[in-house]
Each structure stands twice: as structure tokens, then as C-alpha cells.
Amino acid sequence: MLLVGFAIHDVDRLSETGRLTLPVMPERSRWEILTMVAGTLIVVQGFETPRPGPPLLYSDPYPGLS
């Protein structure tokens, strides 16, 4: 639905002005760029953490007590 909304907006702009215009990007310092990239990396790594695999078949939960 979001992509359809963007497409409708773009077609509307194209029919009004005859061209597509991109928003003006604000000037960013190197520190701001670095913190945004680092924050994105932290979020992505949060999704990439290892998950426990399936339990081993026939494993003894209390080894040495048999």
C-alpha cells in the first residue's frame, strides 16, 4: 500500500509540474553522518544475532547421572 501511495503521489507531481523533483537534502556534518551510519549498523546487527538451533536429538540433559 505504501508503494502505491508513493506512485500515486509521483504521478500527481509529474502531471502538475512535468517533472519529478527530489526533496532538498540538509547539509550534514561528518559527525552526523558517522552517527547515522553507526546507528544503522547497530540496528542491523541486532537483527543478525545468532539464534539457538534445534535441540540435539537423544541428548542427555544430565550427563554423568545415569
N, C-alpha and C. Protein backbone atom coordinates (compact mmCIF):
# COMPACT_ATOMS: atom_id res chain seq x y z
N MET A 1 0.82 -1.19 0.00
CA MET A 1 0.00 0.00 0.00
C MET A 1 0.86 1.25 0.00
N LEU A 2 1.97 1.19 0.73
CA LEU A 2 2.83 2.36 0.80
C LEU A 2 3.42 2.69 -0.57
N LEU A 3 3.84 1.67 -1.30
CA LEU A 3 4.40 1.91 -2.63
C LEU A 3 3.35 2.46 -3.58
N VAL A 4 2.11 1.99 -3.46
CA VAL A 4 1.03 2.51 -4.30
C VAL A 4 0.80 3.98 -3.98
N GLY A 5 0.83 4.33 -2.71
CA GLY A 5 0.67 5.73 -2.32
C GLY A 5 1.77 6.61 -2.88
N PHE A 6 3.03 6.13 -2.81
CA PHE A 6 4.13 6.89 -3.39
C PHE A 6 3.98 7.02 -4.90
N ALA A 7 3.55 5.96 -5.56
CA ALA A 7 3.37 6.01 -7.01
C ALA A 7 2.29 7.01 -7.39
N ILE A 8 1.18 7.03 -6.66
CA ILE A 8 0.11 8.00 -6.95
C ILE A 8 0.62 9.41 -6.74
N HIS A 9 1.37 9.63 -5.68
CA HIS A 9 1.94 10.97 -5.42
C HIS A 9 2.86 11.39 -6.56
N ASP A 10 3.73 10.47 -7.00
CA ASP A 10 4.67 10.79 -8.07
C ASP A 10 3.95 11.11 -9.38
N VAL A 11 2.93 10.33 -9.70
CA VAL A 11 2.18 10.59 -10.93
C VAL A 11 1.48 11.94 -10.84
N ASP A 12 0.94 12.26 -9.67
CA ASP A 12 0.29 13.56 -9.48
C ASP A 12 1.28 14.70 -9.68
N ARG A 13 2.47 14.58 -9.08
CA ARG A 13 3.50 15.62 -9.25
C ARG A 13 3.95 15.73 -10.70
N LEU A 14 4.10 14.59 -11.34
CA LEU A 14 4.54 14.59 -12.73
C LEU A 14 3.51 15.26 -13.64
N SER A 15 2.23 15.04 -13.36
CA SER A 15 1.20 15.67 -14.19
C SER A 15 1.08 17.17 -13.91
N GLU A 16 1.38 17.60 -12.67
CA GLU A 16 1.29 19.03 -12.33
C GLU A 16 2.47 19.83 -12.86
N THR A 17 3.68 19.32 -12.65
CA THR A 17 4.88 20.10 -12.97
C THR A 17 5.60 19.62 -14.22
N GLY A 18 5.32 18.43 -14.68
CA GLY A 18 6.01 17.90 -15.85
C GLY A 18 7.35 17.26 -15.53
N ARG A 19 7.70 17.23 -14.25
CA ARG A 19 8.95 16.59 -13.86
C ARG A 19 8.84 16.15 -12.40
N LEU A 20 9.70 15.22 -12.03
CA LEU A 20 9.76 14.78 -10.64
C LEU A 20 10.86 15.56 -9.93
N THR A 21 10.56 16.08 -8.77
CA THR A 21 11.55 16.82 -8.00
C THR A 21 11.89 16.06 -6.74
N LEU A 22 13.16 16.04 -6.39
CA LEU A 22 13.61 15.40 -5.17
C LEU A 22 13.61 16.42 -4.03
N PRO A 23 13.39 15.98 -2.81
CA PRO A 23 13.43 16.93 -1.70
C PRO A 23 14.85 17.45 -1.50
N VAL A 24 14.96 18.64 -0.96
CA VAL A 24 16.26 19.25 -0.69
C VAL A 24 16.85 18.57 0.54
N MET A 25 18.05 18.08 0.39
CA MET A 25 18.72 17.41 1.50
C MET A 25 19.46 18.45 2.35
N PRO A 26 19.29 18.39 3.66
CA PRO A 26 20.02 19.34 4.51
C PRO A 26 21.50 19.00 4.55
N GLU A 27 22.31 20.00 4.79
CA GLU A 27 23.75 19.77 4.92
C GLU A 27 24.01 19.02 6.22
N ARG A 28 24.84 18.01 6.16
CA ARG A 28 25.18 17.20 7.33
C ARG A 28 26.68 17.28 7.58
N SER A 29 27.05 17.32 8.85
CA SER A 29 28.47 17.28 9.19
C SER A 29 28.95 15.83 9.14
N ARG A 30 30.25 15.65 9.15
CA ARG A 30 30.80 14.30 9.13
C ARG A 30 30.37 13.53 10.38
N TRP A 31 30.28 14.22 11.53
CA TRP A 31 29.88 13.58 12.77
C TRP A 31 28.45 13.05 12.67
N GLU A 32 27.53 13.85 12.10
CA GLU A 32 26.14 13.41 11.94
C GLU A 32 26.06 12.19 11.03
N ILE A 33 26.81 12.21 9.94
CA ILE A 33 26.81 11.07 9.01
C ILE A 33 27.36 9.83 9.71
N LEU A 34 28.44 9.99 10.47
CA LEU A 34 29.04 8.86 11.17
C LEU A 34 28.07 8.27 12.19
N THR A 35 27.38 9.12 12.95
CA THR A 35 26.45 8.60 13.95
C THR A 35 25.25 7.92 13.31
N MET A 36 24.78 8.41 12.17
CA MET A 36 23.66 7.74 11.49
C MET A 36 24.08 6.37 10.96
N VAL A 37 25.27 6.28 10.38
CA VAL A 37 25.75 5.00 9.87
C VAL A 37 25.98 4.02 11.02
N ALA A 38 26.56 4.50 12.12
CA ALA A 38 26.80 3.62 13.27
C ALA A 38 25.48 3.14 13.87
N GLY A 39 24.50 4.01 13.97
CA GLY A 39 23.20 3.61 14.50
C GLY A 39 22.52 2.58 13.61
N THR A 40 22.63 2.77 12.31
CA THR A 40 22.07 1.80 11.38
C THR A 40 22.76 0.45 11.53
N LEU A 41 24.07 0.47 11.69
CA LEU A 41 24.82 -0.77 11.88
C LEU A 41 24.39 -1.49 13.16
N ILE A 42 24.18 -0.75 14.22
CA ILE A 42 23.75 -1.36 15.49
C ILE A 42 22.39 -2.02 15.33
N VAL A 43 21.47 -1.36 14.65
CA VAL A 43 20.14 -1.93 14.45
C VAL A 43 20.21 -3.18 13.60
N VAL A 44 20.97 -3.14 12.52
CA VAL A 44 21.08 -4.30 11.63
C VAL A 44 21.73 -5.46 12.37
N GLN A 45 22.77 -5.20 13.15
CA GLN A 45 23.43 -6.28 13.88
C GLN A 45 22.49 -6.87 14.93
N GLY A 46 21.57 -6.09 15.45
CA GLY A 46 20.59 -6.61 16.39
C GLY A 46 19.71 -7.66 15.75
N PHE A 47 19.41 -7.50 14.48
CA PHE A 47 18.61 -8.49 13.78
C PHE A 47 19.43 -9.70 13.35
N GLU A 48 20.73 -9.57 13.31
CA GLU A 48 21.61 -10.65 12.83
C GLU A 48 22.21 -11.46 13.96
N THR A 49 21.72 -11.33 15.19
CA THR A 49 22.30 -12.10 16.29
C THR A 49 21.99 -13.58 16.10
N PRO A 50 22.89 -14.44 16.50
CA PRO A 50 22.64 -15.88 16.34
C PRO A 50 21.48 -16.34 17.22
N ARG A 51 20.73 -17.26 16.71
CA ARG A 51 19.61 -17.83 17.44
C ARG A 51 19.93 -19.27 17.78
N PRO A 52 19.44 -19.75 18.91
CA PRO A 52 19.74 -21.14 19.25
C PRO A 52 19.13 -22.09 18.23
N GLY A 53 19.86 -23.11 17.89
CA GLY A 53 19.39 -24.09 16.92
C GLY A 53 18.44 -25.07 17.57
N PRO A 54 17.99 -26.03 16.80
CA PRO A 54 17.08 -27.05 17.36
C PRO A 54 17.82 -27.89 18.38
N PRO A 55 17.12 -28.43 19.36
CA PRO A 55 17.80 -29.26 20.37
C PRO A 55 18.36 -30.52 19.73
N LEU A 56 19.45 -30.98 20.29
CA LEU A 56 20.06 -32.20 19.77
C LEU A 56 19.18 -33.39 20.10
N LEU A 57 19.01 -34.29 19.16
CA LEU A 57 18.22 -35.49 19.40
C LEU A 57 18.99 -36.44 20.31
N TYR A 58 18.30 -37.06 21.22
CA TYR A 58 18.86 -38.06 22.12
C TYR A 58 19.98 -37.51 22.98
N SER A 59 19.93 -36.26 23.34
CA SER A 59 20.96 -35.72 24.22
C SER A 59 20.56 -35.96 25.66
N ASP A 60 21.51 -36.23 26.48
CA ASP A 60 21.26 -36.49 27.90
C ASP A 60 21.30 -35.15 28.63
N PRO A 61 20.16 -34.71 29.21
CA PRO A 61 20.17 -33.42 29.87
C PRO A 61 20.99 -33.41 31.16
N TYR A 62 21.24 -34.58 31.74
CA TYR A 62 22.02 -34.67 32.97
C TYR A 62 23.15 -35.68 32.77
N PRO A 63 24.20 -35.30 32.07
CA PRO A 63 25.28 -36.26 31.82
C PRO A 63 25.97 -36.67 33.12
N GLY A 64 26.30 -37.94 33.22
CA GLY A 64 27.01 -38.45 34.38
C GLY A 64 26.09 -38.98 35.47
N LEU A 65 24.76 -38.80 35.36
CA LEU A 65 23.86 -39.28 36.40
C LEU A 65 23.25 -40.63 36.07
N SER A 66 23.54 -41.17 34.91
CA SER A 66 22.95 -42.45 34.50
C SER A 66 23.62 -43.60 35.19
